[in-house]
Amino acid sequence: MKRSLCALLMLLPMAGLADDTALNALLTRIHQDGAAEFRYQETRALELATAPWQGQGLMLSGADGSLVKLQQQPNRVIMAISGQKMYYWDAGQNQRHVAALEPTGPAAQILVFRTLLQGYGDELRADYDLSLASQGQDWTLRLTPKADNGDDNAATIEISGDQDASKRRLTIRQPDGDATEYRLEKTSEGQAAADSIQRLLQEAAGE
């Protein structure tokens, strides 16, 4: 009995190492160094809504950490973070907002979204427990808020995909039951995406 227990205890660190190796390999695979553009379809399932809300557009991620969401349907809206600022521009409603980027509240979710989209999920270990599940070519990375992170409104987040590195699905589940799913497909990268980011940031800032 003692020998069996000792053998099991010896295997536990190896199992943890294997999990970390697989997780690090995944994060390396989805990490991007340069600018990239993703076409997205967004579905929001809200507790008080009779039907899911649907939207679509482009998500652009910059090498400097900038993130731009260009919603094209049902109406054109630019939402972005760049440097230490958040931007919002709705030309149809003539509404423009620029605010400081704070690491708490609604901005926290945007920062997590950016981190995952750019493949920096390993940076989230301080506030989330990361677990990776895979079956064949399919994989799902789940981020569960730690109980002691001090944010009762922190969402549980999943990013998943398969052997096609250009496609990803990201799901954000709020504690109140609301959920948002993004289906993303990379459409371009490099200088073309970087130029689009700069142009949209200038528009959002009113320059």
N, C-alpha and C. Protein backbone atom coordinates (compact mmCIF):
# COMPACT_ATOMS: atom_id res chain seq x y z
N MET A 1 0.83 -1.20 0.00
CA MET A 1 0.00 0.00 0.00
C MET A 1 0.87 1.25 0.00
N LYS A 2 1.90 1.27 0.89
CA LYS A 2 2.78 2.42 0.96
C LYS A 2 3.52 2.62 -0.35
N ARG A 3 3.95 1.49 -0.98
CA ARG A 3 4.65 1.61 -2.25
C ARG A 3 3.75 2.22 -3.32
N SER A 4 2.48 1.82 -3.35
CA SER A 4 1.54 2.35 -4.33
C SER A 4 1.32 3.84 -4.13
N LEU A 5 1.20 4.25 -2.84
CA LEU A 5 0.99 5.66 -2.54
C LEU A 5 2.21 6.48 -2.94
N CYS A 6 3.39 5.98 -2.65
CA CYS A 6 4.61 6.69 -3.02
C CYS A 6 4.73 6.84 -4.53
N ALA A 7 4.37 5.77 -5.26
CA ALA A 7 4.42 5.83 -6.72
C ALA A 7 3.46 6.87 -7.26
N LEU A 8 2.26 6.95 -6.66
CA LEU A 8 1.28 7.93 -7.10
C LEU A 8 1.77 9.35 -6.85
N LEU A 9 2.34 9.58 -5.67
CA LEU A 9 2.84 10.91 -5.34
C LEU A 9 3.98 11.33 -6.26
N MET A 10 4.77 10.38 -6.68
CA MET A 10 5.87 10.69 -7.59
C MET A 10 5.35 11.07 -8.96
N LEU A 11 4.20 10.52 -9.36
CA LEU A 11 3.66 10.80 -10.68
C LEU A 11 2.95 12.14 -10.76
N LEU A 12 2.46 12.65 -9.61
CA LEU A 12 1.67 13.88 -9.63
C LEU A 12 2.44 15.07 -10.19
N PRO A 13 3.68 15.33 -9.79
CA PRO A 13 4.41 16.45 -10.37
C PRO A 13 4.62 16.28 -11.87
N MET A 14 4.82 15.04 -12.33
CA MET A 14 5.01 14.80 -13.75
C MET A 14 3.73 15.11 -14.52
N ALA A 15 2.57 14.79 -13.94
CA ALA A 15 1.30 15.09 -14.60
C ALA A 15 1.12 16.60 -14.71
N GLY A 16 1.46 17.33 -13.65
CA GLY A 16 1.38 18.78 -13.69
C GLY A 16 2.31 19.38 -14.73
N LEU A 17 3.51 18.81 -14.85
CA LEU A 17 4.47 19.27 -15.83
C LEU A 17 3.95 19.05 -17.23
N ALA A 18 3.31 17.89 -17.45
CA ALA A 18 2.76 17.60 -18.77
C ALA A 18 1.66 18.59 -19.13
N ASP A 19 0.80 18.93 -18.15
CA ASP A 19 -0.26 19.90 -18.39
C ASP A 19 0.33 21.26 -18.74
N ASP A 20 1.35 21.69 -18.01
CA ASP A 20 1.99 22.97 -18.28
C ASP A 20 2.64 22.98 -19.65
N THR A 21 3.24 21.87 -20.03
CA THR A 21 3.90 21.78 -21.34
C THR A 21 2.89 21.94 -22.46
N ALA A 22 1.74 21.27 -22.34
CA ALA A 22 0.70 21.36 -23.35
C ALA A 22 0.13 22.77 -23.41
N LEU A 23 -0.08 23.38 -22.23
CA LEU A 23 -0.62 24.74 -22.18
C LEU A 23 0.35 25.73 -22.81
N ASN A 24 1.62 25.63 -22.47
CA ASN A 24 2.62 26.54 -23.02
C ASN A 24 2.75 26.36 -24.53
N ALA A 25 2.64 25.12 -25.00
CA ALA A 25 2.71 24.86 -26.43
C ALA A 25 1.54 25.51 -27.16
N LEU A 26 0.34 25.45 -26.55
CA LEU A 26 -0.83 26.07 -27.16
C LEU A 26 -0.67 27.59 -27.20
N LEU A 27 -0.25 28.19 -26.08
CA LEU A 27 -0.09 29.63 -26.03
C LEU A 27 0.95 30.11 -27.04
N THR A 28 2.00 29.33 -27.23
CA THR A 28 3.00 29.67 -28.23
C THR A 28 2.41 29.61 -29.63
N ARG A 29 1.53 28.63 -29.86
CA ARG A 29 0.94 28.46 -31.19
C ARG A 29 -0.02 29.59 -31.55
N ILE A 30 -0.80 30.07 -30.58
CA ILE A 30 -1.78 31.11 -30.90
C ILE A 30 -1.23 32.52 -30.70
N HIS A 31 -0.01 32.62 -30.17
CA HIS A 31 0.59 33.94 -29.98
C HIS A 31 0.89 34.59 -31.32
N GLN A 32 0.69 35.90 -31.41
CA GLN A 32 1.02 36.64 -32.62
C GLN A 32 1.89 37.83 -32.25
N ASP A 33 2.88 38.09 -33.08
CA ASP A 33 3.81 39.18 -32.83
C ASP A 33 3.39 40.46 -33.54
N GLY A 34 2.83 40.34 -34.73
CA GLY A 34 2.49 41.51 -35.51
C GLY A 34 1.01 41.82 -35.48
N ALA A 35 0.61 42.76 -36.33
CA ALA A 35 -0.79 43.15 -36.43
C ALA A 35 -1.58 42.09 -37.18
N ALA A 36 -2.85 41.93 -36.80
CA ALA A 36 -3.71 40.95 -37.46
C ALA A 36 -5.15 41.46 -37.46
N GLU A 37 -5.89 41.01 -38.47
CA GLU A 37 -7.30 41.37 -38.60
C GLU A 37 -8.14 40.09 -38.57
N PHE A 38 -9.20 40.12 -37.78
CA PHE A 38 -10.11 38.99 -37.66
C PHE A 38 -11.52 39.44 -38.03
N ARG A 39 -12.22 38.66 -38.82
CA ARG A 39 -13.65 38.88 -39.01
C ARG A 39 -14.37 38.14 -37.89
N TYR A 40 -15.37 38.80 -37.28
CA TYR A 40 -16.03 38.18 -36.15
C TYR A 40 -17.55 38.16 -36.31
N GLN A 41 -18.16 37.18 -35.68
CA GLN A 41 -19.60 37.13 -35.49
C GLN A 41 -19.84 37.05 -33.99
N GLU A 42 -20.67 37.93 -33.48
CA GLU A 42 -20.91 38.04 -32.04
C GLU A 42 -22.35 37.67 -31.71
N THR A 43 -22.52 36.86 -30.68
CA THR A 43 -23.85 36.49 -30.20
C THR A 43 -23.90 36.74 -28.70
N ARG A 44 -24.86 37.56 -28.27
CA ARG A 44 -25.03 37.83 -26.84
C ARG A 44 -26.34 37.20 -26.37
N ALA A 45 -26.23 36.35 -25.37
CA ALA A 45 -27.40 35.74 -24.75
C ALA A 45 -27.60 36.41 -23.40
N LEU A 46 -28.61 37.26 -23.30
CA LEU A 46 -28.86 38.04 -22.09
C LEU A 46 -30.05 37.49 -21.33
N GLU A 47 -29.94 37.48 -20.01
CA GLU A 47 -30.98 36.91 -19.16
C GLU A 47 -32.34 37.57 -19.39
N LEU A 48 -32.36 38.87 -19.61
CA LEU A 48 -33.61 39.61 -19.73
C LEU A 48 -34.07 39.78 -21.17
N ALA A 49 -33.32 39.25 -22.13
CA ALA A 49 -33.68 39.41 -23.54
C ALA A 49 -34.46 38.20 -24.03
N THR A 50 -35.44 38.44 -24.90
CA THR A 50 -36.25 37.33 -25.43
C THR A 50 -35.53 36.57 -26.53
N ALA A 51 -34.54 37.21 -27.16
CA ALA A 51 -33.78 36.55 -28.24
C ALA A 51 -32.34 37.04 -28.18
N PRO A 52 -31.39 36.22 -28.64
CA PRO A 52 -29.99 36.64 -28.63
C PRO A 52 -29.76 37.84 -29.53
N TRP A 53 -28.82 38.71 -29.12
CA TRP A 53 -28.41 39.83 -29.95
C TRP A 53 -27.28 39.38 -30.86
N GLN A 54 -27.33 39.79 -32.14
CA GLN A 54 -26.34 39.39 -33.12
C GLN A 54 -25.60 40.60 -33.66
N GLY A 55 -24.30 40.46 -33.84
CA GLY A 55 -23.51 41.52 -34.44
C GLY A 55 -22.35 40.92 -35.22
N GLN A 56 -21.75 41.72 -36.08
CA GLN A 56 -20.59 41.25 -36.83
C GLN A 56 -19.74 42.43 -37.26
N GLY A 57 -18.48 42.12 -37.58
CA GLY A 57 -17.57 43.17 -38.00
C GLY A 57 -16.15 42.66 -38.03
N LEU A 58 -15.21 43.56 -37.70
CA LEU A 58 -13.79 43.24 -37.73
C LEU A 58 -13.17 43.51 -36.36
N MET A 59 -12.26 42.65 -35.96
CA MET A 59 -11.46 42.82 -34.76
C MET A 59 -10.00 42.92 -35.21
N LEU A 60 -9.33 43.99 -34.81
CA LEU A 60 -7.96 44.21 -35.23
C LEU A 60 -7.05 44.31 -34.02
N SER A 61 -5.95 43.56 -34.06
CA SER A 61 -5.02 43.48 -32.94
C SER A 61 -3.65 43.97 -33.40
N GLY A 62 -3.09 44.94 -32.66
CA GLY A 62 -1.81 45.52 -33.06
C GLY A 62 -0.63 44.97 -32.30
N ALA A 63 0.55 45.11 -32.89
CA ALA A 63 1.77 44.62 -32.25
C ALA A 63 2.08 45.37 -30.96
N ASP A 64 1.57 46.61 -30.84
CA ASP A 64 1.84 47.42 -29.66
C ASP A 64 0.80 47.21 -28.56
N GLY A 65 -0.11 46.25 -28.75
CA GLY A 65 -1.14 45.98 -27.75
C GLY A 65 -2.47 46.65 -28.04
N SER A 66 -2.55 47.44 -29.09
CA SER A 66 -3.81 48.09 -29.45
C SER A 66 -4.84 47.03 -29.88
N LEU A 67 -6.09 47.31 -29.57
CA LEU A 67 -7.19 46.43 -29.98
C LEU A 67 -8.33 47.30 -30.47
N VAL A 68 -8.79 47.03 -31.69
CA VAL A 68 -9.88 47.79 -32.29
C VAL A 68 -10.99 46.84 -32.68
N LYS A 69 -12.21 47.15 -32.23
CA LYS A 69 -13.39 46.40 -32.63
C LYS A 69 -14.23 47.30 -33.52
N LEU A 70 -14.31 46.97 -34.78
CA LEU A 70 -15.13 47.71 -35.73
C LEU A 70 -16.43 46.93 -35.95
N GLN A 71 -17.47 47.32 -35.25
CA GLN A 71 -18.77 46.68 -35.45
C GLN A 71 -19.39 47.26 -36.71
N GLN A 72 -19.75 46.38 -37.66
CA GLN A 72 -20.33 46.81 -38.92
C GLN A 72 -21.84 46.56 -38.98
N GLN A 73 -22.31 45.56 -38.28
CA GLN A 73 -23.73 45.24 -38.22
C GLN A 73 -24.09 44.96 -36.77
N PRO A 74 -25.24 45.42 -36.27
CA PRO A 74 -26.34 46.07 -37.00
C PRO A 74 -26.09 47.54 -37.30
N ASN A 75 -25.12 48.19 -36.67
CA ASN A 75 -24.77 49.57 -36.99
C ASN A 75 -23.27 49.74 -36.77
N ARG A 76 -22.70 50.72 -37.43
CA ARG A 76 -21.25 50.90 -37.40
C ARG A 76 -20.83 51.62 -36.13
N VAL A 77 -19.96 50.97 -35.35
CA VAL A 77 -19.44 51.52 -34.10
C VAL A 77 -17.97 51.10 -33.97
N ILE A 78 -17.13 52.03 -33.53
CA ILE A 78 -15.73 51.71 -33.27
C ILE A 78 -15.51 51.71 -31.76
N MET A 79 -14.95 50.62 -31.23
CA MET A 79 -14.54 50.53 -29.84
C MET A 79 -13.08 50.10 -29.83
N ALA A 80 -12.25 50.77 -29.05
CA ALA A 80 -10.82 50.49 -29.13
C ALA A 80 -10.12 50.78 -27.81
N ILE A 81 -8.97 50.13 -27.63
CA ILE A 81 -8.04 50.49 -26.57
C ILE A 81 -6.67 50.65 -27.19
N SER A 82 -5.98 51.70 -26.78
CA SER A 82 -4.65 51.96 -27.30
C SER A 82 -3.88 52.74 -26.24
N GLY A 83 -2.69 52.27 -25.91
CA GLY A 83 -1.96 52.91 -24.83
C GLY A 83 -2.73 52.78 -23.54
N GLN A 84 -3.00 53.88 -22.88
CA GLN A 84 -3.74 53.88 -21.63
C GLN A 84 -5.12 54.53 -21.79
N LYS A 85 -5.69 54.42 -22.99
CA LYS A 85 -6.99 55.03 -23.25
C LYS A 85 -7.96 54.05 -23.92
N MET A 86 -9.25 54.29 -23.65
CA MET A 86 -10.33 53.57 -24.30
C MET A 86 -11.09 54.56 -25.18
N TYR A 87 -11.52 54.08 -26.36
CA TYR A 87 -12.21 54.92 -27.31
C TYR A 87 -13.54 54.29 -27.72
N TYR A 88 -14.54 55.16 -27.95
CA TYR A 88 -15.85 54.72 -28.43
C TYR A 88 -16.37 55.77 -29.40
N TRP A 89 -16.78 55.34 -30.59
CA TRP A 89 -17.29 56.29 -31.58
C TRP A 89 -18.44 55.66 -32.34
N ASP A 90 -19.62 56.25 -32.18
CA ASP A 90 -20.83 55.83 -32.88
C ASP A 90 -21.24 57.02 -33.75
N ALA A 91 -20.88 56.95 -35.04
CA ALA A 91 -21.17 58.07 -35.93
C ALA A 91 -22.67 58.26 -36.11
N GLY A 92 -23.44 57.18 -36.14
CA GLY A 92 -24.88 57.27 -36.33
C GLY A 92 -25.56 58.05 -35.22
N GLN A 93 -25.09 57.87 -34.00
CA GLN A 93 -25.66 58.58 -32.84
C GLN A 93 -24.84 59.81 -32.45
N ASN A 94 -23.76 60.05 -33.20
CA ASN A 94 -22.85 61.17 -32.92
C ASN A 94 -22.38 61.14 -31.47
N GLN A 95 -21.97 59.96 -31.03
CA GLN A 95 -21.50 59.78 -29.66
C GLN A 95 -20.02 59.38 -29.67
N ARG A 96 -19.21 60.14 -28.97
CA ARG A 96 -17.78 59.85 -28.88
C ARG A 96 -17.36 59.92 -27.42
N HIS A 97 -16.62 58.90 -26.97
CA HIS A 97 -16.13 58.87 -25.60
C HIS A 97 -14.65 58.48 -25.61
N VAL A 98 -13.87 59.17 -24.81
CA VAL A 98 -12.46 58.82 -24.59
C VAL A 98 -12.24 58.81 -23.09
N ALA A 99 -11.71 57.71 -22.57
CA ALA A 99 -11.53 57.59 -21.12
C ALA A 99 -10.21 56.89 -20.82
N ALA A 100 -9.72 57.11 -19.61
CA ALA A 100 -8.51 56.42 -19.17
C ALA A 100 -8.79 54.94 -19.03
N LEU A 101 -7.82 54.13 -19.38
CA LEU A 101 -7.94 52.67 -19.30
C LEU A 101 -7.59 52.22 -17.88
N GLU A 102 -8.58 51.71 -17.18
CA GLU A 102 -8.38 51.23 -15.82
C GLU A 102 -8.40 49.69 -15.81
N PRO A 103 -7.56 49.05 -14.99
CA PRO A 103 -7.49 47.58 -14.97
C PRO A 103 -8.61 46.93 -14.18
N THR A 104 -9.67 47.68 -13.86
CA THR A 104 -10.79 47.12 -13.11
C THR A 104 -12.09 47.49 -13.82
N GLY A 105 -13.19 46.90 -13.37
CA GLY A 105 -14.49 47.20 -13.95
C GLY A 105 -14.60 46.66 -15.37
N PRO A 106 -15.40 47.32 -16.24
CA PRO A 106 -15.60 46.84 -17.61
C PRO A 106 -14.31 46.70 -18.41
N ALA A 107 -13.33 47.57 -18.12
CA ALA A 107 -12.08 47.52 -18.87
C ALA A 107 -11.32 46.23 -18.64
N ALA A 108 -11.49 45.62 -17.47
CA ALA A 108 -10.77 44.39 -17.15
C ALA A 108 -11.09 43.30 -18.15
N GLN A 109 -12.37 43.19 -18.53
CA GLN A 109 -12.78 42.17 -19.50
C GLN A 109 -12.16 42.44 -20.87
N ILE A 110 -12.09 43.72 -21.24
CA ILE A 110 -11.49 44.07 -22.53
C ILE A 110 -10.01 43.70 -22.54
N LEU A 111 -9.32 43.94 -21.43
CA LEU A 111 -7.90 43.61 -21.35
C LEU A 111 -7.68 42.11 -21.45
N VAL A 112 -8.56 41.33 -20.80
CA VAL A 112 -8.46 39.87 -20.89
C VAL A 112 -8.70 39.42 -22.33
N PHE A 113 -9.71 40.01 -22.97
CA PHE A 113 -10.01 39.68 -24.35
C PHE A 113 -8.79 39.93 -25.24
N ARG A 114 -8.16 41.09 -25.06
CA ARG A 114 -6.98 41.41 -25.85
C ARG A 114 -5.86 40.41 -25.60
N THR A 115 -5.64 40.08 -24.35
CA THR A 115 -4.57 39.16 -24.00
C THR A 115 -4.77 37.80 -24.66
N LEU A 116 -6.02 37.31 -24.67
CA LEU A 116 -6.30 36.02 -25.29
C LEU A 116 -6.20 36.08 -26.80
N LEU A 117 -6.72 37.15 -27.39
CA LEU A 117 -6.69 37.28 -28.84
C LEU A 117 -5.26 37.31 -29.35
N GLN A 118 -4.37 37.92 -28.56
CA GLN A 118 -2.97 38.02 -28.96
C GLN A 118 -2.13 36.84 -28.47
N GLY A 119 -2.78 35.89 -27.78
CA GLY A 119 -2.08 34.69 -27.37
C GLY A 119 -1.18 34.85 -26.17
N TYR A 120 -1.54 35.76 -25.25
CA TYR A 120 -0.76 35.96 -24.04
C TYR A 120 -1.48 35.41 -22.81
N GLY A 121 -2.22 34.33 -22.97
CA GLY A 121 -3.01 33.79 -21.88
C GLY A 121 -2.20 33.45 -20.64
N ASP A 122 -0.93 33.16 -20.80
CA ASP A 122 -0.11 32.79 -19.66
C ASP A 122 0.07 33.95 -18.68
N GLU A 123 -0.17 35.18 -19.13
CA GLU A 123 -0.03 36.34 -18.26
C GLU A 123 -1.19 36.47 -17.28
N LEU A 124 -2.22 35.65 -17.44
CA LEU A 124 -3.43 35.79 -16.63
C LEU A 124 -3.43 34.89 -15.40
N ARG A 125 -2.35 34.19 -15.15
CA ARG A 125 -2.32 33.22 -14.05
C ARG A 125 -2.55 33.88 -12.68
N ALA A 126 -2.21 35.15 -12.55
CA ALA A 126 -2.37 35.80 -11.25
C ALA A 126 -3.83 35.90 -10.84
N ASP A 127 -4.74 36.06 -11.80
CA ASP A 127 -6.16 36.26 -11.49
C ASP A 127 -7.05 35.10 -11.92
N TYR A 128 -6.53 34.19 -12.72
CA TYR A 128 -7.34 33.08 -13.24
C TYR A 128 -6.63 31.74 -13.08
N ASP A 129 -7.44 30.71 -12.90
CA ASP A 129 -6.94 29.34 -13.00
C ASP A 129 -7.12 28.90 -14.46
N LEU A 130 -6.03 28.46 -15.09
CA LEU A 130 -6.06 28.06 -16.49
C LEU A 130 -6.12 26.55 -16.58
N SER A 131 -7.02 26.04 -17.41
CA SER A 131 -7.09 24.60 -17.65
C SER A 131 -7.29 24.35 -19.14
N LEU A 132 -6.60 23.35 -19.64
CA LEU A 132 -6.65 23.03 -21.06
C LEU A 132 -7.24 21.65 -21.25
N ALA A 133 -8.24 21.55 -22.11
CA ALA A 133 -8.85 20.26 -22.46
C ALA A 133 -8.71 20.08 -23.97
N SER A 134 -8.40 18.87 -24.39
CA SER A 134 -8.25 18.60 -25.82
C SER A 134 -8.80 17.23 -26.15
N GLN A 135 -9.32 17.13 -27.37
CA GLN A 135 -9.80 15.87 -27.89
C GLN A 135 -9.52 15.85 -29.38
N GLY A 136 -8.57 15.01 -29.77
CA GLY A 136 -8.12 15.02 -31.16
C GLY A 136 -7.46 16.35 -31.48
N GLN A 137 -7.94 17.02 -32.53
CA GLN A 137 -7.41 18.32 -32.91
C GLN A 137 -8.12 19.48 -32.22
N ASP A 138 -9.21 19.19 -31.51
CA ASP A 138 -9.99 20.23 -30.84
C ASP A 138 -9.40 20.54 -29.47
N TRP A 139 -9.36 21.81 -29.11
CA TRP A 139 -8.84 22.21 -27.81
C TRP A 139 -9.69 23.35 -27.22
N THR A 140 -9.73 23.42 -25.91
CA THR A 140 -10.44 24.49 -25.21
C THR A 140 -9.60 24.93 -24.02
N LEU A 141 -9.30 26.22 -23.96
CA LEU A 141 -8.58 26.81 -22.84
C LEU A 141 -9.61 27.56 -21.98
N ARG A 142 -9.74 27.18 -20.73
CA ARG A 142 -10.74 27.76 -19.83
C ARG A 142 -10.04 28.58 -18.76
N LEU A 143 -10.54 29.78 -18.54
CA LEU A 143 -10.02 30.67 -17.51
C LEU A 143 -11.11 30.88 -16.47
N THR A 144 -10.86 30.39 -15.26
CA THR A 144 -11.81 30.53 -14.17
C THR A 144 -11.27 31.53 -13.16
N PRO A 145 -12.03 32.58 -12.83
CA PRO A 145 -11.52 33.58 -11.88
C PRO A 145 -11.18 32.96 -10.54
N LYS A 146 -10.05 33.33 -9.99
CA LYS A 146 -9.67 32.84 -8.67
C LYS A 146 -10.56 33.48 -7.61
N ALA A 147 -10.86 32.71 -6.59
CA ALA A 147 -11.78 33.17 -5.54
C ALA A 147 -11.26 34.40 -4.82
N ASP A 148 -9.96 34.57 -4.76
CA ASP A 148 -9.38 35.68 -4.00
C ASP A 148 -8.90 36.82 -4.89
N ASN A 149 -9.43 36.92 -6.13
CA ASN A 149 -8.96 37.98 -7.01
C ASN A 149 -9.60 39.33 -6.73
N GLY A 150 -10.59 39.36 -5.82
CA GLY A 150 -11.18 40.63 -5.41
C GLY A 150 -12.20 41.21 -6.36
N ASP A 151 -12.57 40.47 -7.42
CA ASP A 151 -13.55 40.97 -8.39
C ASP A 151 -14.72 40.00 -8.46
N ASP A 152 -15.84 40.36 -7.81
CA ASP A 152 -17.01 39.49 -7.80
C ASP A 152 -17.70 39.42 -9.15
N ASN A 153 -17.38 40.34 -10.05
CA ASN A 153 -18.01 40.38 -11.36
C ASN A 153 -17.13 39.79 -12.46
N ALA A 154 -16.03 39.16 -12.08
CA ALA A 154 -15.12 38.59 -13.07
C ALA A 154 -15.81 37.46 -13.83
N ALA A 155 -15.61 37.44 -15.14
CA ALA A 155 -16.26 36.45 -15.99
C ALA A 155 -15.39 35.21 -16.15
N THR A 156 -16.05 34.10 -16.44
CA THR A 156 -15.35 32.88 -16.84
C THR A 156 -15.22 32.92 -18.36
N ILE A 157 -14.02 32.62 -18.86
CA ILE A 157 -13.73 32.81 -20.27
C ILE A 157 -13.18 31.52 -20.87
N GLU A 158 -13.63 31.20 -22.07
CA GLU A 158 -13.11 30.05 -22.81
C GLU A 158 -12.70 30.50 -24.20
N ILE A 159 -11.55 30.03 -24.64
CA ILE A 159 -11.12 30.21 -26.02
C ILE A 159 -10.84 28.82 -26.57
N SER A 160 -11.36 28.55 -27.75
CA SER A 160 -11.24 27.20 -28.29
C SER A 160 -10.96 27.25 -29.79
N GLY A 161 -10.47 26.12 -30.31
CA GLY A 161 -10.16 26.03 -31.73
C GLY A 161 -9.80 24.61 -32.11
N ASP A 162 -9.19 24.46 -33.28
CA ASP A 162 -8.76 23.15 -33.76
C ASP A 162 -7.45 23.32 -34.52
N GLN A 163 -7.24 22.45 -35.52
CA GLN A 163 -5.97 22.53 -36.24
C GLN A 163 -5.87 23.74 -37.15
N ASP A 164 -7.00 24.40 -37.43
CA ASP A 164 -7.00 25.60 -38.26
C ASP A 164 -6.68 26.80 -37.38
N ALA A 165 -5.44 27.27 -37.44
CA ALA A 165 -5.00 28.34 -36.55
C ALA A 165 -5.65 29.69 -36.87
N SER A 166 -6.31 29.80 -38.02
CA SER A 166 -6.93 31.08 -38.39
C SER A 166 -8.28 31.28 -37.74
N LYS A 167 -8.86 30.22 -37.15
CA LYS A 167 -10.20 30.32 -36.58
C LYS A 167 -10.16 30.05 -35.07
N ARG A 168 -10.94 30.85 -34.33
CA ARG A 168 -11.04 30.68 -32.88
C ARG A 168 -12.47 31.02 -32.44
N ARG A 169 -12.85 30.47 -31.32
CA ARG A 169 -14.12 30.82 -30.70
C ARG A 169 -13.84 31.26 -29.28
N LEU A 170 -14.40 32.40 -28.88
CA LEU A 170 -14.16 32.94 -27.55
C LEU A 170 -15.51 33.17 -26.88
N THR A 171 -15.68 32.61 -25.69
CA THR A 171 -16.94 32.72 -24.96
C THR A 171 -16.68 33.36 -23.61
N ILE A 172 -17.49 34.37 -23.27
CA ILE A 172 -17.38 35.09 -22.00
C ILE A 172 -18.68 34.88 -21.24
N ARG A 173 -18.60 34.28 -20.06
CA ARG A 173 -19.79 34.02 -19.24
C ARG A 173 -19.73 34.84 -17.96
N GLN A 174 -20.74 35.69 -17.79
CA GLN A 174 -20.80 36.55 -16.62
C GLN A 174 -21.43 35.81 -15.43
N PRO A 175 -21.13 36.22 -14.20
CA PRO A 175 -21.73 35.58 -13.02
C PRO A 175 -23.25 35.65 -13.00
N ASP A 176 -23.84 36.69 -13.65
CA ASP A 176 -25.30 36.83 -13.64
C ASP A 176 -25.99 35.98 -14.69
N GLY A 177 -25.23 35.19 -15.46
CA GLY A 177 -25.82 34.31 -16.47
C GLY A 177 -25.73 34.82 -17.89
N ASP A 178 -25.42 36.09 -18.09
CA ASP A 178 -25.25 36.61 -19.44
C ASP A 178 -24.00 35.99 -20.08
N ALA A 179 -24.05 35.78 -21.39
CA ALA A 179 -22.92 35.19 -22.09
C ALA A 179 -22.76 35.82 -23.47
N THR A 180 -21.52 35.97 -23.89
CA THR A 180 -21.21 36.51 -25.21
C THR A 180 -20.24 35.55 -25.89
N GLU A 181 -20.55 35.22 -27.14
CA GLU A 181 -19.68 34.34 -27.92
C GLU A 181 -19.20 35.06 -29.17
N TYR A 182 -17.90 34.97 -29.40
CA TYR A 182 -17.29 35.51 -30.61
C TYR A 182 -16.74 34.35 -31.44
N ARG A 183 -17.11 34.31 -32.71
CA ARG A 183 -16.48 33.39 -33.66
C ARG A 183 -15.59 34.24 -34.56
N LEU A 184 -14.28 33.96 -34.51
CA LEU A 184 -13.30 34.79 -35.19
C LEU A 184 -12.55 34.00 -36.25
N GLU A 185 -12.28 34.67 -37.36
CA GLU A 185 -11.47 34.08 -38.42
C GLU A 185 -10.48 35.12 -38.91
N LYS A 186 -9.19 34.79 -38.87
CA LYS A 186 -8.18 35.74 -39.31
C LYS A 186 -8.28 35.94 -40.81
N THR A 187 -8.31 37.22 -41.21
CA THR A 187 -8.46 37.55 -42.63
C THR A 187 -7.21 38.19 -43.23
N SER A 188 -6.40 38.84 -42.40
CA SER A 188 -5.16 39.42 -42.90
C SER A 188 -4.23 39.70 -41.73
N GLU A 189 -2.98 39.97 -42.03
CA GLU A 189 -2.01 40.32 -41.01
C GLU A 189 -0.91 41.15 -41.64
N GLY A 190 -0.06 41.72 -40.79
CA GLY A 190 1.05 42.52 -41.31
C GLY A 190 0.69 43.98 -41.48
N GLN A 191 1.31 44.62 -42.45
CA GLN A 191 1.20 46.07 -42.61
C GLN A 191 -0.22 46.51 -42.94
N ALA A 192 -0.94 45.74 -43.73
CA ALA A 192 -2.31 46.12 -44.08
C ALA A 192 -3.18 46.24 -42.83
N ALA A 193 -3.05 45.28 -41.93
CA ALA A 193 -3.81 45.32 -40.67
C ALA A 193 -3.36 46.49 -39.80
N ALA A 194 -2.04 46.73 -39.76
CA ALA A 194 -1.51 47.84 -38.95
C ALA A 194 -2.02 49.18 -39.46
N ASP A 195 -2.10 49.34 -40.79
CA ASP A 195 -2.61 50.59 -41.37
C ASP A 195 -4.09 50.78 -41.02
N SER A 196 -4.86 49.71 -41.05
CA SER A 196 -6.28 49.79 -40.72
C SER A 196 -6.47 50.19 -39.25
N ILE A 197 -5.64 49.64 -38.36
CA ILE A 197 -5.71 49.99 -36.95
C ILE A 197 -5.47 51.48 -36.75
N GLN A 198 -4.42 51.99 -37.38
CA GLN A 198 -4.09 53.41 -37.22
C GLN A 198 -5.20 54.30 -37.74
N ARG A 199 -5.78 53.94 -38.88
CA ARG A 199 -6.85 54.74 -39.46
C ARG A 199 -8.09 54.75 -38.57
N LEU A 200 -8.46 53.59 -38.02
CA LEU A 200 -9.64 53.49 -37.18
C LEU A 200 -9.43 54.18 -35.83
N LEU A 201 -8.22 54.10 -35.28
CA LEU A 201 -7.93 54.81 -34.04
C LEU A 201 -8.05 56.32 -34.23
N GLN A 202 -7.57 56.82 -35.35
CA GLN A 202 -7.68 58.26 -35.62
C GLN A 202 -9.15 58.67 -35.74
N GLU A 203 -9.93 57.83 -36.41
CA GLU A 203 -11.36 58.12 -36.54
C GLU A 203 -12.05 58.12 -35.18
N ALA A 204 -11.72 57.12 -34.37
CA ALA A 204 -12.36 57.02 -33.04
C ALA A 204 -11.99 58.19 -32.16
N ALA A 205 -10.75 58.70 -32.31
CA ALA A 205 -10.29 59.83 -31.50
C ALA A 205 -10.75 61.17 -32.05
N GLY A 206 -11.33 61.17 -33.26
CA GLY A 206 -11.79 62.41 -33.86
C GLY A 206 -10.71 63.22 -34.49
N GLU A 207 -9.64 62.55 -34.89
CA GLU A 207 -8.50 63.28 -35.50
C GLU A 207 -8.66 63.39 -37.02
